[in-house]
N, C-alpha and C. Protein backbone atom coordinates (compact mmCIF):
# COMPACT_ATOMS: atom_id res chain seq x y z
N UNK A 1 23.28 -97.35 46.83
CA UNK A 1 24.50 -97.60 46.05
C UNK A 1 24.68 -96.49 45.02
N UNK A 2 25.90 -95.92 44.89
CA UNK A 2 26.06 -94.86 43.90
C UNK A 2 25.89 -95.41 42.48
N UNK A 3 25.33 -94.58 41.61
CA UNK A 3 25.13 -95.02 40.22
C UNK A 3 26.47 -95.18 39.52
N UNK A 4 26.55 -96.19 38.68
CA UNK A 4 27.78 -96.38 37.88
C UNK A 4 27.86 -95.25 36.88
N UNK A 5 29.03 -94.56 36.81
CA UNK A 5 29.11 -93.45 35.85
C UNK A 5 29.00 -93.96 34.42
N UNK A 6 28.40 -93.12 33.58
CA UNK A 6 28.32 -93.46 32.15
C UNK A 6 29.74 -93.64 31.61
N UNK A 7 29.95 -94.62 30.73
CA UNK A 7 31.29 -94.74 30.14
C UNK A 7 31.62 -93.51 29.31
N UNK A 8 32.87 -93.16 29.29
CA UNK A 8 33.30 -91.98 28.54
C UNK A 8 33.06 -92.19 27.06
N UNK A 9 32.59 -91.15 26.39
CA UNK A 9 32.26 -91.23 24.97
C UNK A 9 32.61 -89.90 24.33
N UNK A 10 33.14 -89.94 23.14
CA UNK A 10 33.41 -88.71 22.40
C UNK A 10 32.21 -88.43 21.52
N UNK A 11 31.58 -87.29 21.74
CA UNK A 11 30.35 -86.96 21.01
C UNK A 11 30.46 -85.56 20.43
N UNK A 12 30.50 -85.48 19.10
CA UNK A 12 30.57 -84.19 18.43
C UNK A 12 29.20 -83.70 17.95
N UNK A 13 28.20 -84.59 17.99
CA UNK A 13 26.94 -84.30 17.32
C UNK A 13 25.89 -83.68 18.25
N UNK A 14 26.00 -83.95 19.56
CA UNK A 14 25.00 -83.42 20.49
C UNK A 14 25.70 -82.85 21.72
N UNK A 15 24.91 -82.33 22.64
CA UNK A 15 25.46 -81.85 23.91
C UNK A 15 26.30 -80.61 23.76
N UNK A 16 27.32 -80.49 24.64
CA UNK A 16 28.11 -79.26 24.75
C UNK A 16 28.82 -78.90 23.45
N UNK A 17 29.31 -79.89 22.73
CA UNK A 17 30.08 -79.61 21.51
C UNK A 17 29.17 -79.00 20.44
N UNK A 18 28.01 -79.61 20.25
CA UNK A 18 27.08 -79.10 19.25
C UNK A 18 26.58 -77.69 19.62
N UNK A 19 26.37 -77.47 20.92
CA UNK A 19 25.94 -76.14 21.38
C UNK A 19 27.01 -75.10 21.08
N UNK A 20 28.26 -75.46 21.36
CA UNK A 20 29.37 -74.51 21.12
C UNK A 20 29.51 -74.24 19.62
N UNK A 21 29.23 -75.28 18.83
CA UNK A 21 29.31 -75.12 17.37
C UNK A 21 28.32 -74.05 16.91
N UNK A 22 27.11 -74.08 17.47
CA UNK A 22 26.07 -73.15 17.03
C UNK A 22 26.19 -71.77 17.65
N UNK A 23 26.62 -71.71 18.93
CA UNK A 23 26.54 -70.44 19.66
C UNK A 23 27.88 -69.97 20.22
N UNK A 24 28.98 -70.55 19.79
CA UNK A 24 30.27 -70.30 20.44
C UNK A 24 30.89 -68.94 20.18
N UNK A 25 30.54 -68.31 19.06
CA UNK A 25 31.13 -67.00 18.79
C UNK A 25 32.15 -66.98 17.67
N UNK A 26 32.24 -68.07 16.91
CA UNK A 26 33.09 -68.08 15.72
C UNK A 26 34.54 -67.74 15.99
N UNK A 27 35.12 -66.98 15.07
CA UNK A 27 36.56 -66.68 15.17
C UNK A 27 36.87 -65.65 16.25
N UNK A 28 35.83 -65.12 16.91
CA UNK A 28 36.06 -64.21 18.02
C UNK A 28 36.43 -64.92 19.31
N UNK A 29 36.34 -66.26 19.33
CA UNK A 29 36.65 -67.02 20.53
C UNK A 29 38.15 -66.96 20.83
N UNK A 30 38.46 -67.03 22.12
CA UNK A 30 39.87 -66.90 22.54
C UNK A 30 40.77 -67.92 21.86
N UNK A 31 40.32 -69.17 21.74
CA UNK A 31 41.19 -70.19 21.16
C UNK A 31 41.45 -69.90 19.68
N UNK A 32 40.44 -69.39 18.98
CA UNK A 32 40.63 -69.07 17.56
C UNK A 32 41.63 -67.94 17.39
N UNK A 33 41.52 -66.91 18.24
CA UNK A 33 42.49 -65.81 18.19
C UNK A 33 43.89 -66.31 18.51
N UNK A 34 43.99 -67.16 19.54
CA UNK A 34 45.30 -67.66 19.96
C UNK A 34 45.97 -68.46 18.84
N UNK A 35 45.17 -69.23 18.10
CA UNK A 35 45.73 -70.08 17.05
C UNK A 35 45.98 -69.33 15.75
N UNK A 36 45.59 -68.05 15.70
CA UNK A 36 45.90 -67.24 14.52
C UNK A 36 44.84 -67.28 13.43
N UNK A 37 43.61 -67.70 13.78
CA UNK A 37 42.52 -67.66 12.80
C UNK A 37 41.97 -66.24 12.76
N UNK A 38 42.12 -65.62 11.63
CA UNK A 38 41.53 -64.29 11.47
C UNK A 38 41.13 -64.14 10.02
N UNK A 39 40.54 -63.01 9.69
CA UNK A 39 40.05 -62.79 8.32
C UNK A 39 41.17 -63.07 7.33
N UNK A 40 40.90 -63.97 6.42
CA UNK A 40 41.88 -64.26 5.37
C UNK A 40 43.02 -65.16 5.80
N UNK A 41 43.04 -65.61 7.05
CA UNK A 41 44.15 -66.44 7.51
C UNK A 41 43.61 -67.64 8.29
N UNK A 42 43.90 -68.84 7.77
CA UNK A 42 43.45 -70.07 8.43
C UNK A 42 44.62 -71.06 8.44
N UNK A 43 45.43 -71.04 9.51
CA UNK A 43 46.59 -71.94 9.54
C UNK A 43 46.18 -73.40 9.64
N UNK A 44 47.06 -74.28 9.18
CA UNK A 44 46.90 -75.71 9.43
C UNK A 44 47.37 -75.94 10.87
N UNK A 45 46.49 -76.53 11.69
CA UNK A 45 46.74 -76.66 13.13
C UNK A 45 47.00 -78.11 13.49
N UNK A 46 47.99 -78.33 14.34
CA UNK A 46 48.22 -79.65 14.90
C UNK A 46 47.87 -79.60 16.39
N UNK A 47 46.88 -80.40 16.78
CA UNK A 47 46.50 -80.52 18.19
C UNK A 47 47.30 -81.68 18.77
N UNK A 48 48.34 -81.34 19.53
CA UNK A 48 49.31 -82.35 19.96
C UNK A 48 48.82 -83.22 21.12
N UNK A 49 47.72 -82.80 21.76
CA UNK A 49 47.17 -83.53 22.91
C UNK A 49 45.66 -83.60 22.71
N UNK A 50 45.21 -84.43 21.80
CA UNK A 50 43.83 -84.33 21.29
C UNK A 50 42.76 -84.55 22.36
N UNK A 51 42.96 -85.49 23.28
CA UNK A 51 41.97 -85.72 24.33
C UNK A 51 40.59 -86.03 23.77
N UNK A 52 39.59 -85.27 24.19
CA UNK A 52 38.22 -85.49 23.72
C UNK A 52 37.96 -84.87 22.34
N UNK A 53 38.96 -84.18 21.80
CA UNK A 53 38.85 -83.66 20.43
C UNK A 53 38.01 -82.41 20.28
N UNK A 54 37.58 -81.81 21.41
CA UNK A 54 36.63 -80.69 21.29
C UNK A 54 37.26 -79.45 20.68
N UNK A 55 38.47 -79.11 21.11
CA UNK A 55 39.12 -77.93 20.54
C UNK A 55 39.41 -78.15 19.06
N UNK A 56 39.86 -79.36 18.71
CA UNK A 56 40.14 -79.66 17.30
C UNK A 56 38.88 -79.54 16.46
N UNK A 57 37.76 -80.05 16.99
CA UNK A 57 36.49 -79.98 16.25
C UNK A 57 36.06 -78.53 16.08
N UNK A 58 36.19 -77.73 17.13
CA UNK A 58 35.83 -76.32 17.04
C UNK A 58 36.67 -75.61 15.98
N UNK A 59 37.98 -75.84 16.01
CA UNK A 59 38.87 -75.18 15.06
C UNK A 59 38.58 -75.64 13.63
N UNK A 60 38.26 -76.92 13.47
CA UNK A 60 37.89 -77.43 12.14
C UNK A 60 36.56 -76.82 11.68
N UNK A 61 35.65 -76.56 12.64
CA UNK A 61 34.37 -75.96 12.28
C UNK A 61 34.55 -74.52 11.79
N UNK A 62 35.68 -73.90 12.15
CA UNK A 62 35.98 -72.54 11.72
C UNK A 62 36.81 -72.52 10.44
N UNK A 63 36.98 -73.71 9.84
CA UNK A 63 37.63 -73.79 8.53
C UNK A 63 39.05 -74.32 8.53
N UNK A 64 39.64 -74.55 9.70
CA UNK A 64 41.04 -75.00 9.76
C UNK A 64 41.15 -76.49 9.45
N UNK A 65 42.21 -76.86 8.76
CA UNK A 65 42.61 -78.27 8.68
C UNK A 65 43.31 -78.58 10.00
N UNK A 66 42.91 -79.64 10.67
CA UNK A 66 43.46 -79.96 11.99
C UNK A 66 43.96 -81.40 12.02
N UNK A 67 45.21 -81.56 12.42
CA UNK A 67 45.77 -82.89 12.67
C UNK A 67 45.74 -83.13 14.17
N UNK A 68 45.06 -84.20 14.59
CA UNK A 68 44.95 -84.55 16.01
C UNK A 68 45.94 -85.66 16.32
N UNK A 69 46.70 -85.49 17.39
CA UNK A 69 47.62 -86.54 17.85
C UNK A 69 47.17 -86.99 19.23
N UNK A 70 47.00 -88.29 19.39
CA UNK A 70 46.62 -88.85 20.70
C UNK A 70 47.45 -90.11 20.94
N UNK A 71 48.16 -90.15 22.08
CA UNK A 71 49.05 -91.29 22.33
C UNK A 71 48.37 -92.42 23.09
N UNK A 72 47.29 -92.12 23.82
CA UNK A 72 46.58 -93.17 24.54
C UNK A 72 45.76 -93.99 23.54
N UNK A 73 46.00 -95.30 23.54
CA UNK A 73 45.29 -96.17 22.60
C UNK A 73 43.78 -96.09 22.84
N UNK A 74 43.38 -96.09 24.12
CA UNK A 74 41.95 -96.07 24.45
C UNK A 74 41.31 -94.75 24.01
N UNK A 75 42.01 -93.64 24.29
CA UNK A 75 41.48 -92.32 23.91
C UNK A 75 41.42 -92.20 22.39
N UNK A 76 42.44 -92.71 21.71
CA UNK A 76 42.46 -92.68 20.25
C UNK A 76 41.26 -93.44 19.69
N UNK A 77 40.94 -94.61 20.29
CA UNK A 77 39.79 -95.40 19.82
C UNK A 77 38.48 -94.65 20.05
N UNK A 78 38.36 -93.96 21.21
CA UNK A 78 37.15 -93.18 21.49
C UNK A 78 37.00 -92.03 20.48
N UNK A 79 38.12 -91.38 20.16
CA UNK A 79 38.10 -90.29 19.18
C UNK A 79 37.69 -90.81 17.80
N UNK A 80 38.28 -91.93 17.39
CA UNK A 80 37.97 -92.50 16.08
C UNK A 80 36.48 -92.84 15.99
N UNK A 81 35.94 -93.39 17.08
CA UNK A 81 34.52 -93.73 17.12
C UNK A 81 33.65 -92.47 17.02
N UNK A 82 34.00 -91.44 17.80
CA UNK A 82 33.24 -90.19 17.76
C UNK A 82 33.29 -89.51 16.40
N UNK A 83 34.47 -89.54 15.77
CA UNK A 83 34.61 -88.93 14.44
C UNK A 83 33.80 -89.69 13.41
N UNK A 84 33.77 -91.03 13.52
CA UNK A 84 33.00 -91.84 12.57
C UNK A 84 31.50 -91.54 12.70
N UNK A 85 31.03 -91.41 13.95
CA UNK A 85 29.61 -91.13 14.15
C UNK A 85 29.25 -89.73 13.63
N UNK A 86 30.14 -88.76 13.84
CA UNK A 86 29.88 -87.41 13.33
C UNK A 86 29.87 -87.40 11.80
N UNK A 87 30.78 -88.15 11.21
CA UNK A 87 30.82 -88.26 9.75
C UNK A 87 29.51 -88.85 9.23
N UNK A 88 29.03 -89.90 9.91
CA UNK A 88 27.79 -90.56 9.49
C UNK A 88 26.57 -89.66 9.68
N UNK A 89 26.67 -88.67 10.57
CA UNK A 89 25.55 -87.74 10.79
C UNK A 89 25.34 -86.83 9.58
N UNK A 90 26.36 -86.74 8.72
CA UNK A 90 26.23 -85.99 7.47
C UNK A 90 26.22 -84.48 7.66
N UNK A 91 25.88 -83.77 6.59
CA UNK A 91 25.75 -82.31 6.63
C UNK A 91 27.03 -81.62 7.10
N UNK A 92 26.84 -80.59 7.94
CA UNK A 92 27.99 -79.82 8.44
C UNK A 92 28.96 -80.71 9.21
N UNK A 93 28.42 -81.68 9.95
CA UNK A 93 29.30 -82.54 10.75
C UNK A 93 30.29 -83.29 9.84
N UNK A 94 29.78 -83.82 8.74
CA UNK A 94 30.67 -84.54 7.81
C UNK A 94 31.73 -83.61 7.24
N UNK A 95 31.33 -82.39 6.90
CA UNK A 95 32.30 -81.41 6.35
C UNK A 95 33.39 -81.10 7.36
N UNK A 96 33.00 -80.94 8.63
CA UNK A 96 33.99 -80.62 9.67
C UNK A 96 34.94 -81.80 9.88
N UNK A 97 34.41 -83.00 9.98
CA UNK A 97 35.25 -84.19 10.19
C UNK A 97 36.22 -84.38 9.03
N UNK A 98 35.81 -83.99 7.82
CA UNK A 98 36.68 -84.11 6.65
C UNK A 98 37.93 -83.24 6.78
N UNK A 99 37.87 -82.21 7.66
CA UNK A 99 39.05 -81.35 7.87
C UNK A 99 39.91 -81.84 9.03
N UNK A 100 39.54 -82.99 9.63
CA UNK A 100 40.27 -83.51 10.80
C UNK A 100 40.97 -84.82 10.44
N UNK A 101 42.25 -84.90 10.80
CA UNK A 101 43.04 -86.12 10.57
C UNK A 101 43.55 -86.60 11.91
N UNK A 102 43.24 -87.84 12.28
CA UNK A 102 43.59 -88.38 13.59
C UNK A 102 44.80 -89.31 13.47
N UNK A 103 45.83 -89.02 14.28
CA UNK A 103 47.04 -89.86 14.32
C UNK A 103 47.18 -90.47 15.71
N UNK A 104 47.69 -91.70 15.75
CA UNK A 104 47.98 -92.35 17.03
C UNK A 104 49.48 -92.36 17.24
N UNK A 105 49.93 -91.81 18.35
CA UNK A 105 51.36 -91.79 18.64
C UNK A 105 51.69 -90.69 19.61
N UNK A 106 52.96 -90.61 19.97
CA UNK A 106 53.43 -89.58 20.90
C UNK A 106 53.81 -88.35 20.09
N UNK A 107 53.21 -87.22 20.45
CA UNK A 107 53.46 -85.98 19.69
C UNK A 107 54.94 -85.60 19.69
N UNK A 108 55.66 -85.99 20.73
CA UNK A 108 57.11 -85.66 20.76
C UNK A 108 57.83 -86.37 19.61
N UNK A 109 57.34 -87.54 19.22
CA UNK A 109 57.93 -88.27 18.09
C UNK A 109 57.38 -87.81 16.75
N UNK A 110 56.10 -87.44 16.73
CA UNK A 110 55.44 -87.13 15.45
C UNK A 110 55.67 -85.69 14.99
N UNK A 111 55.73 -84.73 15.92
CA UNK A 111 55.86 -83.33 15.51
C UNK A 111 57.08 -83.09 14.61
N UNK A 112 58.26 -83.68 14.92
CA UNK A 112 59.41 -83.43 14.04
C UNK A 112 59.19 -83.92 12.61
N UNK A 113 58.27 -84.86 12.41
CA UNK A 113 58.03 -85.39 11.05
C UNK A 113 56.96 -84.60 10.31
N UNK A 114 56.24 -83.72 11.01
CA UNK A 114 55.08 -83.06 10.41
C UNK A 114 55.35 -81.64 9.95
N UNK A 115 56.41 -81.00 10.45
CA UNK A 115 56.67 -79.58 10.16
C UNK A 115 55.39 -78.75 10.31
N UNK A 116 54.79 -78.77 11.51
CA UNK A 116 53.47 -78.15 11.68
C UNK A 116 53.53 -76.62 11.61
N UNK A 117 52.45 -76.03 11.11
CA UNK A 117 52.39 -74.57 11.04
C UNK A 117 52.09 -73.99 12.42
N UNK A 118 51.03 -74.48 13.07
CA UNK A 118 50.64 -73.99 14.40
C UNK A 118 50.30 -75.20 15.26
N UNK A 119 50.80 -75.20 16.50
CA UNK A 119 50.60 -76.35 17.39
C UNK A 119 49.84 -75.91 18.63
N UNK A 120 48.80 -76.67 18.97
CA UNK A 120 48.05 -76.47 20.21
C UNK A 120 48.43 -77.57 21.20
N UNK A 121 48.79 -77.17 22.41
CA UNK A 121 49.12 -78.14 23.47
C UNK A 121 48.22 -77.87 24.66
N UNK A 122 47.45 -78.90 25.05
CA UNK A 122 46.55 -78.79 26.19
C UNK A 122 46.80 -80.00 27.09
N UNK A 123 47.91 -79.97 27.85
CA UNK A 123 48.23 -81.13 28.69
C UNK A 123 47.24 -81.23 29.86
N UNK A 124 47.23 -82.38 30.52
CA UNK A 124 46.40 -82.49 31.73
C UNK A 124 46.86 -81.39 32.69
N UNK A 125 45.92 -80.62 33.18
CA UNK A 125 46.26 -79.49 34.05
C UNK A 125 46.57 -79.99 35.45
N UNK A 126 47.43 -79.25 36.17
CA UNK A 126 47.73 -79.67 37.55
C UNK A 126 46.47 -79.66 38.40
N UNK A 127 46.43 -80.48 39.46
CA UNK A 127 45.23 -80.51 40.30
C UNK A 127 44.89 -79.11 40.79
N UNK A 128 43.59 -78.82 40.85
CA UNK A 128 43.17 -77.47 41.25
C UNK A 128 43.51 -77.23 42.71
N UNK A 129 43.81 -75.95 42.99
CA UNK A 129 44.15 -75.61 44.37
C UNK A 129 42.89 -75.53 45.23
N UNK A 130 41.75 -75.21 44.61
CA UNK A 130 40.52 -75.22 45.42
C UNK A 130 39.98 -76.64 45.48
N UNK A 131 38.97 -76.84 46.29
CA UNK A 131 38.52 -78.22 46.52
C UNK A 131 37.40 -78.63 45.58
N UNK A 132 36.99 -77.73 44.67
CA UNK A 132 35.90 -78.09 43.75
C UNK A 132 36.31 -79.30 42.92
N UNK A 133 35.44 -80.26 42.87
CA UNK A 133 35.75 -81.47 42.11
C UNK A 133 35.79 -81.14 40.62
N UNK A 134 36.81 -81.64 39.96
CA UNK A 134 36.89 -81.48 38.51
C UNK A 134 35.73 -82.27 37.91
N UNK A 135 35.19 -81.78 36.80
CA UNK A 135 34.07 -82.47 36.17
C UNK A 135 34.36 -83.95 36.00
N UNK A 136 33.31 -84.76 36.17
CA UNK A 136 33.47 -86.22 36.10
C UNK A 136 34.13 -86.66 34.79
N UNK A 137 33.72 -86.02 33.70
CA UNK A 137 34.28 -86.38 32.39
C UNK A 137 35.80 -86.19 32.35
N UNK A 138 36.26 -85.06 32.92
CA UNK A 138 37.70 -84.80 32.92
C UNK A 138 38.43 -85.76 33.86
N UNK A 139 37.76 -86.17 34.94
CA UNK A 139 38.37 -87.19 35.80
C UNK A 139 38.52 -88.50 35.04
N UNK A 140 37.51 -88.82 34.23
CA UNK A 140 37.58 -90.05 33.43
C UNK A 140 38.73 -89.97 32.42
N UNK A 141 38.90 -88.80 31.80
CA UNK A 141 40.00 -88.62 30.86
C UNK A 141 41.33 -88.80 31.58
N UNK A 142 41.45 -88.20 32.76
CA UNK A 142 42.70 -88.31 33.52
C UNK A 142 43.01 -89.77 33.86
N UNK A 143 41.96 -90.55 34.17
CA UNK A 143 42.17 -91.97 34.47
C UNK A 143 42.74 -92.71 33.26
N UNK A 144 42.36 -92.27 32.06
CA UNK A 144 42.83 -92.93 30.84
C UNK A 144 44.23 -92.45 30.45
N UNK A 145 44.44 -91.14 30.43
CA UNK A 145 45.68 -90.62 29.85
C UNK A 145 46.76 -90.29 30.88
N UNK A 146 46.43 -90.30 32.17
CA UNK A 146 47.44 -90.00 33.18
C UNK A 146 47.64 -88.51 33.36
N UNK A 147 48.83 -88.12 33.79
CA UNK A 147 49.04 -86.73 34.22
C UNK A 147 49.95 -85.90 33.32
N UNK A 148 50.44 -86.46 32.21
CA UNK A 148 51.31 -85.71 31.29
C UNK A 148 52.52 -85.09 32.00
N UNK A 149 53.36 -85.90 32.68
CA UNK A 149 54.53 -85.34 33.34
C UNK A 149 55.57 -84.79 32.36
N UNK A 150 55.43 -85.13 31.08
CA UNK A 150 56.41 -84.68 30.07
C UNK A 150 55.91 -83.46 29.29
N UNK A 151 54.99 -82.69 29.88
CA UNK A 151 54.43 -81.51 29.18
C UNK A 151 55.52 -80.53 28.76
N UNK A 152 56.51 -80.32 29.62
CA UNK A 152 57.59 -79.37 29.28
C UNK A 152 58.39 -79.87 28.07
N UNK A 153 58.67 -81.18 28.03
CA UNK A 153 59.40 -81.76 26.89
C UNK A 153 58.59 -81.59 25.60
N UNK A 154 57.28 -81.82 25.70
CA UNK A 154 56.43 -81.67 24.52
C UNK A 154 56.43 -80.23 24.03
N UNK A 155 56.33 -79.30 24.98
CA UNK A 155 56.32 -77.87 24.61
C UNK A 155 57.63 -77.49 23.93
N UNK A 156 58.74 -77.96 24.48
CA UNK A 156 60.05 -77.65 23.87
C UNK A 156 60.16 -78.26 22.47
N UNK A 157 59.66 -79.47 22.30
CA UNK A 157 59.69 -80.12 20.97
C UNK A 157 58.86 -79.31 19.98
N UNK A 158 57.68 -78.88 20.41
CA UNK A 158 56.82 -78.08 19.53
C UNK A 158 57.51 -76.77 19.14
N UNK A 159 58.16 -76.13 20.11
CA UNK A 159 58.84 -74.86 19.83
C UNK A 159 59.98 -75.05 18.83
N UNK A 160 60.59 -76.23 18.84
CA UNK A 160 61.68 -76.51 17.89
C UNK A 160 61.16 -76.74 16.48
N UNK A 161 59.96 -77.30 16.35
CA UNK A 161 59.54 -77.80 15.04
C UNK A 161 58.36 -77.06 14.41
N UNK A 162 57.62 -76.26 15.17
CA UNK A 162 56.51 -75.50 14.56
C UNK A 162 57.07 -74.36 13.72
N UNK A 163 56.34 -74.02 12.68
CA UNK A 163 56.83 -72.97 11.77
C UNK A 163 56.34 -71.58 12.16
N UNK A 164 55.17 -71.49 12.79
CA UNK A 164 54.58 -70.17 13.01
C UNK A 164 54.33 -69.86 14.48
N UNK A 165 53.64 -70.76 15.18
CA UNK A 165 53.31 -70.49 16.58
C UNK A 165 53.02 -71.79 17.32
N UNK A 166 53.20 -71.72 18.65
CA UNK A 166 52.80 -72.79 19.56
C UNK A 166 51.92 -72.14 20.62
N UNK A 167 50.81 -72.80 20.94
CA UNK A 167 49.88 -72.26 21.93
C UNK A 167 49.70 -73.29 23.05
N UNK A 168 49.93 -72.86 24.28
CA UNK A 168 49.70 -73.69 25.46
C UNK A 168 48.38 -73.27 26.09
N UNK A 169 47.44 -74.21 26.20
CA UNK A 169 46.18 -73.97 26.90
C UNK A 169 46.38 -74.38 28.34
N UNK A 170 46.13 -73.45 29.28
CA UNK A 170 46.56 -73.66 30.66
C UNK A 170 45.58 -72.98 31.61
N UNK A 171 45.47 -73.41 32.85
CA UNK A 171 44.58 -72.70 33.79
C UNK A 171 44.96 -71.22 33.90
N UNK A 172 43.96 -70.37 33.97
CA UNK A 172 44.19 -68.91 33.97
C UNK A 172 45.18 -68.49 35.05
N UNK A 173 45.12 -69.15 36.22
CA UNK A 173 46.01 -68.77 37.32
C UNK A 173 47.15 -69.77 37.50
N UNK A 174 47.34 -70.66 36.54
CA UNK A 174 48.39 -71.68 36.66
C UNK A 174 49.79 -71.08 36.52
N UNK A 175 50.75 -71.64 37.25
CA UNK A 175 52.14 -71.20 37.12
C UNK A 175 52.66 -71.60 35.74
N UNK A 176 53.58 -70.80 35.18
CA UNK A 176 54.17 -71.19 33.89
C UNK A 176 54.87 -72.55 34.02
N UNK A 177 54.93 -73.28 32.91
CA UNK A 177 55.64 -74.56 32.91
C UNK A 177 57.13 -74.27 33.01
N UNK A 178 57.79 -74.91 33.96
CA UNK A 178 59.22 -74.65 34.19
C UNK A 178 60.07 -75.15 33.03
N UNK A 179 61.16 -74.44 32.78
CA UNK A 179 62.12 -74.89 31.78
C UNK A 179 61.73 -74.54 30.36
N UNK A 180 60.75 -73.64 30.20
CA UNK A 180 60.31 -73.23 28.86
C UNK A 180 60.41 -71.71 28.79
N UNK A 181 60.85 -71.21 27.64
CA UNK A 181 61.03 -69.75 27.53
C UNK A 181 59.70 -69.03 27.67
N UNK A 182 59.73 -67.74 28.05
CA UNK A 182 58.49 -66.99 28.22
C UNK A 182 57.72 -66.91 26.90
N UNK A 183 56.39 -66.85 27.02
CA UNK A 183 55.56 -66.75 25.81
C UNK A 183 55.61 -65.32 25.27
N UNK A 184 55.17 -65.16 24.02
CA UNK A 184 55.14 -63.84 23.37
C UNK A 184 54.00 -62.99 23.92
N UNK A 185 52.82 -63.63 24.09
CA UNK A 185 51.69 -62.93 24.70
C UNK A 185 50.68 -63.96 25.20
N UNK A 186 49.69 -63.48 25.92
CA UNK A 186 48.66 -64.35 26.48
C UNK A 186 47.28 -63.84 26.08
N UNK A 187 46.37 -64.78 25.90
CA UNK A 187 44.96 -64.45 25.72
C UNK A 187 44.21 -65.08 26.88
N UNK A 188 43.54 -64.26 27.67
CA UNK A 188 42.93 -64.73 28.91
C UNK A 188 41.44 -64.97 28.76
N UNK A 189 41.00 -66.13 29.24
CA UNK A 189 39.57 -66.40 29.37
C UNK A 189 39.23 -66.41 30.85
N UNK A 190 37.99 -66.82 31.16
CA UNK A 190 37.56 -66.81 32.57
C UNK A 190 38.36 -67.79 33.42
N UNK A 191 38.48 -69.01 32.95
CA UNK A 191 39.18 -70.02 33.74
C UNK A 191 40.41 -70.56 33.03
N UNK A 192 40.57 -70.18 31.78
CA UNK A 192 41.65 -70.71 30.94
C UNK A 192 42.43 -69.55 30.33
N UNK A 193 43.72 -69.77 30.12
CA UNK A 193 44.48 -68.79 29.36
C UNK A 193 45.25 -69.53 28.25
N UNK A 194 45.58 -68.76 27.23
CA UNK A 194 46.36 -69.30 26.12
C UNK A 194 47.70 -68.57 26.09
N UNK A 195 48.77 -69.30 26.33
CA UNK A 195 50.12 -68.74 26.23
C UNK A 195 50.58 -68.94 24.79
N UNK A 196 50.80 -67.83 24.07
CA UNK A 196 51.12 -67.89 22.65
C UNK A 196 52.60 -67.63 22.45
N UNK A 197 53.27 -68.57 21.80
CA UNK A 197 54.70 -68.45 21.49
C UNK A 197 54.81 -68.24 19.98
N UNK A 198 55.15 -67.02 19.56
CA UNK A 198 55.29 -66.72 18.14
C UNK A 198 56.68 -67.10 17.68
N UNK A 199 56.77 -67.72 16.51
CA UNK A 199 58.05 -68.24 16.04
C UNK A 199 58.50 -67.60 14.73
N UNK A 200 57.55 -67.20 13.88
CA UNK A 200 57.93 -66.73 12.55
C UNK A 200 58.48 -65.31 12.61
């Protein structure tokens, strides 16, 4: 009989997140560059599709104030639990969590009320064209949050209301999202790219 998969859990204190915190490369990482973190500049970031909260935690670890928006009630509860445990772990973890604010709701409704400086959007990515199975954890997330068919609407809303930039995190070889203007530039990683839309 196949083993029952471990229930999904948001963990900032151990495993991949803690490793990335220690060895990730600081502000030289692609996501930090895409979001505009550089010497002397630390924008307030709104993560419009918080998911497991890993990007938000990384950006907060680099000094940014980060507002996380998650519309799935279950995912929001998992995030709140993970943030509480990281806070209780104390030390650097508590300091990082203190820079993170978690909101429950649809980012399309909340962004117009926030006047965000920089917005990160990481919608569920389209199914891969190759047959490699997506990591079990990401399959579990997809089961909870669905497929984000309104990604284009969210991107357009962010472009209307962000003050400085909007960044779309997308598969490196993924087609652009239809119905959205071309980005200003791209930052490419191995499997992921960041489409940066400059507004200011």
